[in-house]
C-alpha cells in the first residue's frame, strides 16, 4: 500500500515538474515574441524615419521655386566713345567724365530644381557723361565745315567760301534712358542643417533699347565759339578771332555759346547688348517664402 502511495506521489511530482517546465518555456517563448515585436517596431520606425529623410532629400532635389524681385541701384555711369578733336593744325583728345546714373528692375526668377534656373524681366536705366574740350582760338587752327555759297556778296554775284569754326573750353553733357531686358542663367545653394540661408549667382546678357537721349552744352563764361569764312579773293579769314565780326553773315565770336544759343538737341543711339552678372544672399523668412 505504501508502495502504491509512493508511486502516486512520484507521478504527481513529475507531472507538476513537467507543467512547470512547460509554463517556463511558454513564458520564455512569449518574452521572445515580445522582444521580437519590440525589435520589429524599432526597425520599422527607423525605416519610416529613413524614408522620410530620403523623401525630403528627393523633394529638395525636385522642388521648383520662383522669385519676383524689385531692385534698384545708383552709381557712376558713362557712355563709351572716343572724344578726339581734330582740326586744321590742331589735335586734342578730350576728357570724358562719368556722371551719376541709376537703374530700377523688376525681375522674375524660376528654378527648375534646388540649384539651377533662369531670370528675366524689365528695367529702366539712366546713363550720363560729360565731355570736355580745351580747344584753341588761334586763326591758323580751325575746323573745316565744308564749302558754301554766299548769296549776299556786295558785288551782286554769288561767291563760294569755306566755312570754318573754332571752339574753346567747351563742356557738353549727354544723358540717355534705356529700356533693359536681361536674360541670365541662375545658380543657388543653401547652407546649414536647416538651410535657412544661402547664396545665388547669375550670368547672362542684357538688351538695352534707347528710349530717350539728348545732349546739352553747359553754360560757361570761359567758353567761346568762333565762326568764320574764307573767301579765295579775300586775303584774310573773315570773322576769325583776330578780325572784326561780320554779324549779317554770322561771322564772329560768341561768348558762352551754351547759354547764348541754348545749344542742345537729341542724340541717336544704337541698340546695345551688354554682359551682366550678379551675386547675392538668400535668407528664409518662412516655409514657403524667401
Foldseek 3Di string as FASTA:
>chain_A
DVVVVVVVVVVVVVVVVVVVVVVVVVVVVVVVVVVVVVVVVVVVVVVVVVVVVVVVVVCQFQPKDKDKDKDKDKDWAFDDDWQWDDWQPDIDGKDKGTDIKMKIWIKMWIARHNWKTKMKGKMKMKTKMKIWDAWDQDQRTWHWPAKDWDCPDPVNDIAIKTKIKTKHGWMKMKMWMWMKIWMWIKTKDFDDPVRQKTKMKIKGKIKIHTDFMKMAIDFDQRMKMFMWIGGPVDPGTAQGAVHDADVVVPGHMDGRCRVVVVPMDTDDDDIDMGIDMDMDMGGHPDDRGD
